[in-house]
Amino acid sequence: CRVCRVQVGRVMEDGDRAVCAGDLQALRRVAHNLKTALAMLGQEQAVQAARATEEHAAQSAAAAAQAGWEQLSLQVRTFVAQGG
């Protein structure tokens, strides 16, 4: 639905801002929220990427969290582009 896509777009922007600012706690929250939503949508691979990003951010592993975000972001944007 259009509203869902707008909301996902906002969440993705929040994640991008968190990465750019080096705000690992904000990135952790974004990844956690995406993990929950993606699980409901049955996107298990993206759930795993969100979980890894969330864990890296919680452990203050900045490089790993950023790499996780890049992977997660690609998966979510691909899913949305395919009409998900």
PDB file of N, CA and C in Angstrom:
ATOM      1  N   CYS A   1       0.837  -1.184   0.000  1.00  0.00           N
ATOM      2  CA  CYS A   1       0.000   0.000   0.000  1.00  0.00           C
ATOM      3  C   CYS A   1       0.884   1.250   0.000  1.00  0.00           C
ATOM      4  N   ARG A   2       0.344   2.323  -0.474  1.00  0.00           N
ATOM      5  CA  ARG A   2       1.104   3.570  -0.578  1.00  0.00           C
ATOM      6  C   ARG A   2       1.558   4.060   0.788  1.00  0.00           C
ATOM      7  N   VAL A   3       0.694   4.003   1.777  1.00  0.00           N
ATOM      8  CA  VAL A   3       1.040   4.459   3.120  1.00  0.00           C
ATOM      9  C   VAL A   3       2.196   3.630   3.681  1.00  0.00           C
ATOM     10  N   CYS A   4       2.156   2.321   3.452  1.00  0.00           N
ATOM     11  CA  CYS A   4       3.232   1.451   3.931  1.00  0.00           C
ATOM     12  C   CYS A   4       4.561   1.840   3.298  1.00  0.00           C
ATOM     13  N   ARG A   5       4.537   2.109   2.008  1.00  0.00           N
ATOM     14  CA  ARG A   5       5.777   2.487   1.313  1.00  0.00           C
ATOM     15  C   ARG A   5       6.317   3.809   1.830  1.00  0.00           C
ATOM     16  N   VAL A   6       5.416   4.755   2.096  1.00  0.00           N
ATOM     17  CA  VAL A   6       5.842   6.046   2.649  1.00  0.00           C
ATOM     18  C   VAL A   6       6.481   5.830   4.011  1.00  0.00           C
ATOM     19  N   GLN A   7       5.842   5.007   4.841  1.00  0.00           N
ATOM     20  CA  GLN A   7       6.376   4.747   6.178  1.00  0.00           C
ATOM     21  C   GLN A   7       7.738   4.059   6.109  1.00  0.00           C
ATOM     22  N   VAL A   8       7.870   3.074   5.243  1.00  0.00           N
ATOM     23  CA  VAL A   8       9.158   2.384   5.085  1.00  0.00           C
ATOM     24  C   VAL A   8      10.207   3.376   4.596  1.00  0.00           C
ATOM     25  N   GLY A   9       9.816   4.252   3.697  1.00  0.00           N
ATOM     26  CA  GLY A   9      10.739   5.273   3.216  1.00  0.00           C
ATOM     27  C   GLY A   9      11.248   6.153   4.338  1.00  0.00           C
ATOM     28  N   ARG A  10      10.361   6.512   5.242  1.00  0.00           N
ATOM     29  CA  ARG A  10      10.764   7.335   6.391  1.00  0.00           C
ATOM     30  C   ARG A  10      11.708   6.574   7.311  1.00  0.00           C
ATOM     31  N   VAL A  11      11.419   5.322   7.545  1.00  0.00           N
ATOM     32  CA  VAL A  11      12.286   4.500   8.397  1.00  0.00           C
ATOM     33  C   VAL A  11      13.665   4.360   7.754  1.00  0.00           C
ATOM     34  N   MET A  12      13.697   4.164   6.445  1.00  0.00           N
ATOM     35  CA  MET A  12      14.977   4.039   5.756  1.00  0.00           C
ATOM     36  C   MET A  12      15.762   5.351   5.855  1.00  0.00           C
ATOM     37  N   GLU A  13      15.081   6.471   5.732  1.00  0.00           N
ATOM     38  CA  GLU A  13      15.747   7.774   5.880  1.00  0.00           C
ATOM     39  C   GLU A  13      16.308   7.922   7.292  1.00  0.00           C
ATOM     40  N   ASP A  14      15.550   7.477   8.290  1.00  0.00           N
ATOM     41  CA  ASP A  14      16.033   7.525   9.674  1.00  0.00           C
ATOM     42  C   ASP A  14      17.313   6.701   9.821  1.00  0.00           C
ATOM     43  N   GLY A  15      17.328   5.536   9.205  1.00  0.00           N
ATOM     44  CA  GLY A  15      18.517   4.684   9.263  1.00  0.00           C
ATOM     45  C   GLY A  15      19.703   5.320   8.565  1.00  0.00           C
ATOM     46  N   ASP A  16      19.454   5.906   7.405  1.00  0.00           N
ATOM     47  CA  ASP A  16      20.529   6.585   6.674  1.00  0.00           C
ATOM     48  C   ASP A  16      21.096   7.741   7.497  1.00  0.00           C
ATOM     49  N   ARG A  17      20.199   8.514   8.127  1.00  0.00           N
ATOM     50  CA  ARG A  17      20.650   9.628   8.970  1.00  0.00           C
ATOM     51  C   ARG A  17      21.469   9.122  10.158  1.00  0.00           C
ATOM     52  N   ALA A  18      21.026   8.033  10.756  1.00  0.00           N
ATOM     53  CA  ALA A  18      21.740   7.479  11.909  1.00  0.00           C
ATOM     54  C   ALA A  18      23.147   7.042  11.513  1.00  0.00           C
ATOM     55  N   VAL A  19      23.260   6.391  10.360  1.00  0.00           N
ATOM     56  CA  VAL A  19      24.582   5.957   9.887  1.00  0.00           C
ATOM     57  C   VAL A  19      25.469   7.175   9.633  1.00  0.00           C
ATOM     58  N   CYS A  20      24.929   8.172   8.937  1.00  0.00           N
ATOM     59  CA  CYS A  20      25.717   9.365   8.615  1.00  0.00           C
ATOM     60  C   CYS A  20      26.172  10.099   9.871  1.00  0.00           C
ATOM     61  N   ALA A  21      25.333  10.095  10.891  1.00  0.00           N
ATOM     62  CA  ALA A  21      25.660  10.788  12.142  1.00  0.00           C
ATOM     63  C   ALA A  21      26.495   9.920  13.086  1.00  0.00           C
ATOM     64  N   GLY A  22      26.641   8.644  12.756  1.00  0.00           N
ATOM     65  CA  GLY A  22      27.349   7.736  13.659  1.00  0.00           C
ATOM     66  C   GLY A  22      26.561   7.446  14.922  1.00  0.00           C
ATOM     67  N   ASP A  23      25.236   7.575  14.848  1.00  0.00           N
ATOM     68  CA  ASP A  23      24.356   7.365  16.004  1.00  0.00           C
ATOM     69  C   ASP A  23      23.929   5.895  16.046  1.00  0.00           C
ATOM     70  N   LEU A  24      24.723   5.102  16.752  1.00  0.00           N
ATOM     71  CA  LEU A  24      24.474   3.656  16.780  1.00  0.00           C
ATOM     72  C   LEU A  24      23.199   3.292  17.527  1.00  0.00           C
ATOM     73  N   GLN A  25      22.823   4.073  18.525  1.00  0.00           N
ATOM     74  CA  GLN A  25      21.582   3.759  19.245  1.00  0.00           C
ATOM     75  C   GLN A  25      20.362   3.996  18.363  1.00  0.00           C
ATOM     76  N   ALA A  26      20.391   5.071  17.591  1.00  0.00           N
ATOM     77  CA  ALA A  26      19.286   5.321  16.654  1.00  0.00           C
ATOM     78  C   ALA A  26      19.252   4.225  15.591  1.00  0.00           C
ATOM     79  N   LEU A  27      20.417   3.824  15.100  1.00  0.00           N
ATOM     80  CA  LEU A  27      20.475   2.751  14.107  1.00  0.00           C
ATOM     81  C   LEU A  27      19.960   1.447  14.696  1.00  0.00           C
ATOM     82  N   ARG A  28      20.280   1.176  15.943  1.00  0.00           N
ATOM     83  CA  ARG A  28      19.785  -0.028  16.616  1.00  0.00           C
ATOM     84  C   ARG A  28      18.258  -0.026  16.649  1.00  0.00           C
ATOM     85  N   ARG A  29      17.672   1.112  16.993  1.00  0.00           N
ATOM     86  CA  ARG A  29      16.205   1.210  17.054  1.00  0.00           C
ATOM     87  C   ARG A  29      15.572   1.009  15.677  1.00  0.00           C
ATOM     88  N   VAL A  30      16.152   1.620  14.656  1.00  0.00           N
ATOM     89  CA  VAL A  30      15.633   1.471  13.293  1.00  0.00           C
ATOM     90  C   VAL A  30      15.694   0.010  12.865  1.00  0.00           C
ATOM     91  N   ALA A  31      16.849  -0.625  13.103  1.00  0.00           N
ATOM     92  CA  ALA A  31      17.007  -2.031  12.717  1.00  0.00           C
ATOM     93  C   ALA A  31      16.017  -2.919  13.472  1.00  0.00           C
ATOM     94  N   HIS A  32      15.817  -2.627  14.744  1.00  0.00           N
ATOM     95  CA  HIS A  32      14.863  -3.410  15.539  1.00  0.00           C
ATOM     96  C   HIS A  32      13.446  -3.280  14.968  1.00  0.00           C
ATOM     97  N   ASN A  33      13.051  -2.056  14.653  1.00  0.00           N
ATOM     98  CA  ASN A  33      11.710  -1.838  14.106  1.00  0.00           C
ATOM     99  C   ASN A  33      11.542  -2.518  12.754  1.00  0.00           C
ATOM    100  N   LEU A  34      12.570  -2.421  11.916  1.00  0.00           N
ATOM    101  CA  LEU A  34      12.503  -3.101  10.623  1.00  0.00           C
ATOM    102  C   LEU A  34      12.452  -4.613  10.797  1.00  0.00           C
ATOM    103  N   LYS A  35      13.207  -5.132  11.753  1.00  0.00           N
ATOM    104  CA  LYS A  35      13.222  -6.575  12.007  1.00  0.00           C
ATOM    105  C   LYS A  35      11.819  -7.074  12.311  1.00  0.00           C
ATOM    106  N   THR A  36      11.116  -6.345  13.131  1.00  0.00           N
ATOM    107  CA  THR A  36       9.755  -6.730  13.505  1.00  0.00           C
ATOM    108  C   THR A  36       8.818  -6.684  12.302  1.00  0.00           C
ATOM    109  N   ALA A  37       8.881  -5.593  11.544  1.00  0.00           N
ATOM    110  CA  ALA A  37       8.000  -5.448  10.383  1.00  0.00           C
ATOM    111  C   ALA A  37       8.319  -6.487   9.318  1.00  0.00           C
ATOM    112  N   LEU A  38       9.604  -6.705   9.071  1.00  0.00           N
ATOM    113  CA  LEU A  38      10.002  -7.672   8.039  1.00  0.00           C
ATOM    114  C   LEU A  38       9.616  -9.099   8.422  1.00  0.00           C
ATOM    115  N   ALA A  39       9.652  -9.403   9.702  1.00  0.00           N
ATOM    116  CA  ALA A  39       9.222 -10.731  10.159  1.00  0.00           C
ATOM    117  C   ALA A  39       7.746 -10.943   9.845  1.00  0.00           C
ATOM    118  N   MET A  40       6.931  -9.910  10.059  1.00  0.00           N
ATOM    119  CA  MET A  40       5.503 -10.013   9.763  1.00  0.00           C
ATOM    120  C   MET A  40       5.257 -10.181   8.270  1.00  0.00           C
ATOM    121  N   LEU A  41       6.179  -9.657   7.449  1.00  0.00           N
ATOM    122  CA  LEU A  41       6.045  -9.759   5.993  1.00  0.00           C
ATOM    123  C   LEU A  41       6.692 -11.021   5.438  1.00  0.00           C
ATOM    124  N   GLY A  42       7.291 -11.836   6.307  1.00  0.00           N
ATOM    125  CA  GLY A  42       7.888 -13.090   5.876  1.00  0.00           C
ATOM    126  C   GLY A  42       9.205 -12.932   5.141  1.00  0.00           C
ATOM    127  N   GLN A  43       9.908 -11.842   5.365  1.00  0.00           N
ATOM    128  CA  GLN A  43      11.177 -11.570   4.682  1.00  0.00           C
ATOM    129  C   GLN A  43      12.348 -12.018   5.561  1.00  0.00           C
ATOM    130  N   GLU A  44      12.543 -13.316   5.662  1.00  0.00           N
ATOM    131  CA  GLU A  44      13.491 -13.884   6.617  1.00  0.00           C
ATOM    132  C   GLU A  44      14.935 -13.431   6.381  1.00  0.00           C
ATOM    133  N   GLN A  45      15.356 -13.333   5.135  1.00  0.00           N
ATOM    134  CA  GLN A  45      16.734 -12.902   4.863  1.00  0.00           C
ATOM    135  C   GLN A  45      16.947 -11.473   5.365  1.00  0.00           C
ATOM    136  N   ALA A  46      15.986 -10.616   5.118  1.00  0.00           N
ATOM    137  CA  ALA A  46      16.083  -9.243   5.595  1.00  0.00           C
ATOM    138  C   ALA A  46      15.986  -9.185   7.115  1.00  0.00           C
ATOM    139  N   VAL A  47      15.201 -10.074   7.710  1.00  0.00           N
ATOM    140  CA  VAL A  47      15.123 -10.152   9.178  1.00  0.00           C
ATOM    141  C   VAL A  47      16.498 -10.460   9.750  1.00  0.00           C
ATOM    142  N   GLN A  48      17.207 -11.385   9.128  1.00  0.00           N
ATOM    143  CA  GLN A  48      18.549 -11.739   9.602  1.00  0.00           C
ATOM    144  C   GLN A  48      19.497 -10.546   9.486  1.00  0.00           C
ATOM    145  N   ALA A  49      19.407  -9.810   8.392  1.00  0.00           N
ATOM    146  CA  ALA A  49      20.245  -8.619   8.219  1.00  0.00           C
ATOM    147  C   ALA A  49      19.901  -7.560   9.263  1.00  0.00           C
ATOM    148  N   ALA A  50      18.622  -7.387   9.542  1.00  0.00           N
ATOM    149  CA  ALA A  50      18.201  -6.427  10.562  1.00  0.00           C
ATOM    150  C   ALA A  50      18.696  -6.847  11.940  1.00  0.00           C
ATOM    151  N   ARG A  51      18.595  -8.123  12.233  1.00  0.00           N
ATOM    152  CA  ARG A  51      19.058  -8.640  13.531  1.00  0.00           C
ATOM    153  C   ARG A  51      20.565  -8.398  13.691  1.00  0.00           C
ATOM    154  N   ALA A  52      21.325  -8.691  12.654  1.00  0.00           N
ATOM    155  CA  ALA A  52      22.779  -8.500  12.717  1.00  0.00           C
ATOM    156  C   ALA A  52      23.117  -7.018  12.895  1.00  0.00           C
ATOM    157  N   THR A  53      22.427  -6.155  12.151  1.00  0.00           N
ATOM    158  CA  THR A  53      22.663  -4.713  12.265  1.00  0.00           C
ATOM    159  C   THR A  53      22.337  -4.241  13.677  1.00  0.00           C
ATOM    160  N   GLU A  54      21.220  -4.690  14.201  1.00  0.00           N
ATOM    161  CA  GLU A  54      20.809  -4.319  15.555  1.00  0.00           C
ATOM    162  C   GLU A  54      21.856  -4.765  16.583  1.00  0.00           C
ATOM    163  N   GLU A  55      22.329  -5.983  16.455  1.00  0.00           N
ATOM    164  CA  GLU A  55      23.318  -6.503  17.407  1.00  0.00           C
ATOM    165  C   GLU A  55      24.646  -5.759  17.312  1.00  0.00           C
ATOM    166  N   HIS A  56      25.109  -5.496  16.100  1.00  0.00           N
ATOM    167  CA  HIS A  56      26.361  -4.748  15.933  1.00  0.00           C
ATOM    168  C   HIS A  56      26.244  -3.348  16.521  1.00  0.00           C
ATOM    169  N   ALA A  57      25.116  -2.698  16.277  1.00  0.00           N
ATOM    170  CA  ALA A  57      24.911  -1.352  16.810  1.00  0.00           C
ATOM    171  C   ALA A  57      24.872  -1.386  18.340  1.00  0.00           C
ATOM    172  N   ALA A  58      24.210  -2.381  18.909  1.00  0.00           N
ATOM    173  CA  ALA A  58      24.139  -2.502  20.367  1.00  0.00           C
ATOM    174  C   ALA A  58      25.511  -2.743  20.981  1.00  0.00           C
ATOM    175  N   GLN A  59      26.395  -3.382  20.233  1.00  0.00           N
ATOM    176  CA  GLN A  59      27.755  -3.675  20.715  1.00  0.00           C
ATOM    177  C   GLN A  59      28.736  -2.559  20.374  1.00  0.00           C
ATOM    178  N   SER A  60      28.238  -1.455  19.816  1.00  0.00           N
ATOM    179  CA  SER A  60      29.067  -0.316  19.413  1.00  0.00           C
ATOM    180  C   SER A  60      30.122  -0.698  18.382  1.00  0.00           C
ATOM    181  N   ALA A  61      29.798  -1.668  17.549  1.00  0.00           N
ATOM    182  CA  ALA A  61      30.682  -2.091  16.461  1.00  0.00           C
ATOM    183  C   ALA A  61      30.288  -1.282  15.218  1.00  0.00           C
ATOM    184  N   ALA A  62      30.809  -0.065  15.129  1.00  0.00           N
ATOM    185  CA  ALA A  62      30.353   0.893  14.123  1.00  0.00           C
ATOM    186  C   ALA A  62      30.524   0.388  12.695  1.00  0.00           C
ATOM    187  N   ALA A  63      31.696  -0.132  12.363  1.00  0.00           N
ATOM    188  CA  ALA A  63      31.940  -0.576  10.982  1.00  0.00           C
ATOM    189  C   ALA A  63      31.010  -1.727  10.610  1.00  0.00           C
ATOM    190  N   ALA A  64      30.840  -2.675  11.516  1.00  0.00           N
ATOM    191  CA  ALA A  64      29.962  -3.818  11.248  1.00  0.00           C
ATOM    192  C   ALA A  64      28.503  -3.370  11.164  1.00  0.00           C
ATOM    193  N   ALA A  65      28.107  -2.427  12.020  1.00  0.00           N
ATOM    194  CA  ALA A  65      26.731  -1.923  11.989  1.00  0.00           C
ATOM    195  C   ALA A  65      26.465  -1.191  10.676  1.00  0.00           C
ATOM    196  N   GLN A  66      27.438  -0.399  10.224  1.00  0.00           N
ATOM    197  CA  GLN A  66      27.273   0.322   8.960  1.00  0.00           C
ATOM    198  C   GLN A  66      27.187  -0.659   7.792  1.00  0.00           C
ATOM    199  N   ALA A  67      28.040  -1.667   7.783  1.00  0.00           N
ATOM    200  CA  ALA A  67      27.992  -2.681   6.720  1.00  0.00           C
ATOM    201  C   ALA A  67      26.658  -3.422   6.761  1.00  0.00           C
ATOM    202  N   GLY A  68      26.190  -3.723   7.955  1.00  0.00           N
ATOM    203  CA  GLY A  68      24.892  -4.384   8.104  1.00  0.00           C
ATOM    204  C   GLY A  68      23.767  -3.517   7.571  1.00  0.00           C
ATOM    205  N   TRP A  69      23.841  -2.213   7.857  1.00  0.00           N
ATOM    206  CA  TRP A  69      22.818  -1.300   7.367  1.00  0.00           C
ATOM    207  C   TRP A  69      22.811  -1.261   5.841  1.00  0.00           C
ATOM    208  N   GLU A  70      23.979  -1.240   5.242  1.00  0.00           N
ATOM    209  CA  GLU A  70      24.047  -1.211   3.781  1.00  0.00           C
ATOM    210  C   GLU A  70      23.373  -2.446   3.186  1.00  0.00           C
ATOM    211  N   GLN A  71      23.627  -3.598   3.774  1.00  0.00           N
ATOM    212  CA  GLN A  71      23.006  -4.840   3.297  1.00  0.00           C
ATOM    213  C   GLN A  71      21.495  -4.809   3.533  1.00  0.00           C
ATOM    214  N   LEU A  72      21.103  -4.433   4.734  1.00  0.00           N
ATOM    215  CA  LEU A  72      19.676  -4.367   5.075  1.00  0.00           C
ATOM    216  C   LEU A  72      18.954  -3.363   4.187  1.00  0.00           C
ATOM    217  N   SER A  73      19.553  -2.212   4.005  1.00  0.00           N
ATOM    218  CA  SER A  73      18.951  -1.174   3.182  1.00  0.00           C
ATOM    219  C   SER A  73      18.708  -1.671   1.762  1.00  0.00           C
ATOM    220  N   LEU A  74      19.681  -2.328   1.202  1.00  0.00           N
ATOM    221  CA  LEU A  74      19.540  -2.873  -0.150  1.00  0.00           C
ATOM    222  C   LEU A  74      18.390  -3.879  -0.205  1.00  0.00           C
ATOM    223  N   GLN A  75      18.315  -4.764   0.776  1.00  0.00           N
ATOM    224  CA  GLN A  75      17.254  -5.776   0.784  1.00  0.00           C
ATOM    225  C   GLN A  75      15.873  -5.147   0.912  1.00  0.00           C
ATOM    226  N   VAL A  76      15.746  -4.174   1.803  1.00  0.00           N
ATOM    227  CA  VAL A  76      14.441  -3.533   2.000  1.00  0.00           C
ATOM    228  C   VAL A  76      14.037  -2.728   0.774  1.00  0.00           C
ATOM    229  N   ARG A  77      14.962  -1.982   0.224  1.00  0.00           N
ATOM    230  CA  ARG A  77      14.637  -1.178  -0.959  1.00  0.00           C
ATOM    231  C   ARG A  77      14.279  -2.070  -2.152  1.00  0.00           C
ATOM    232  N   THR A  78      14.951  -3.200  -2.281  1.00  0.00           N
ATOM    233  CA  THR A  78      14.624  -4.141  -3.346  1.00  0.00           C
ATOM    234  C   THR A  78      13.220  -4.709  -3.137  1.00  0.00           C
ATOM    235  N   PHE A  79      12.915  -5.092  -1.912  1.00  0.00           N
ATOM    236  CA  PHE A  79      11.594  -5.629  -1.572  1.00  0.00           C
ATOM    237  C   PHE A  79      10.500  -4.616  -1.898  1.00  0.00           C
ATOM    238  N   VAL A  80      10.709  -3.373  -1.509  1.00  0.00           N
ATOM    239  CA  VAL A  80       9.726  -2.326  -1.768  1.00  0.00           C
ATOM    240  C   VAL A  80       9.577  -2.065  -3.264  1.00  0.00           C
ATOM    241  N   ALA A  81      10.698  -2.034  -3.975  1.00  0.00           N
ATOM    242  CA  ALA A  81      10.667  -1.801  -5.419  1.00  0.00           C
ATOM    243  C   ALA A  81       9.919  -2.909  -6.163  1.00  0.00           C
ATOM    244  N   GLN A  82       9.934  -4.104  -5.590  1.00  0.00           N
ATOM    245  CA  GLN A  82       9.252  -5.240  -6.224  1.00  0.00           C
ATOM    246  C   GLN A  82       7.784  -5.288  -5.827  1.00  0.00           C
ATOM    247  N   GLY A  83       7.329  -4.260  -5.139  1.00  0.00           N
ATOM    248  CA  GLY A  83       5.914  -4.179  -4.792  1.00  0.00           C
ATOM    249  C   GLY A  83       5.576  -4.719  -3.428  1.00  0.00           C
ATOM    250  N   GLY A  84       6.583  -4.999  -2.626  1.00  0.00           N
ATOM    251  CA  GLY A  84       6.351  -5.545  -1.285  1.00  0.00           C
ATOM    252  C   GLY A  84       5.849  -4.527  -0.313  1.00  0.00           C
TER     253      GLY A  84
END
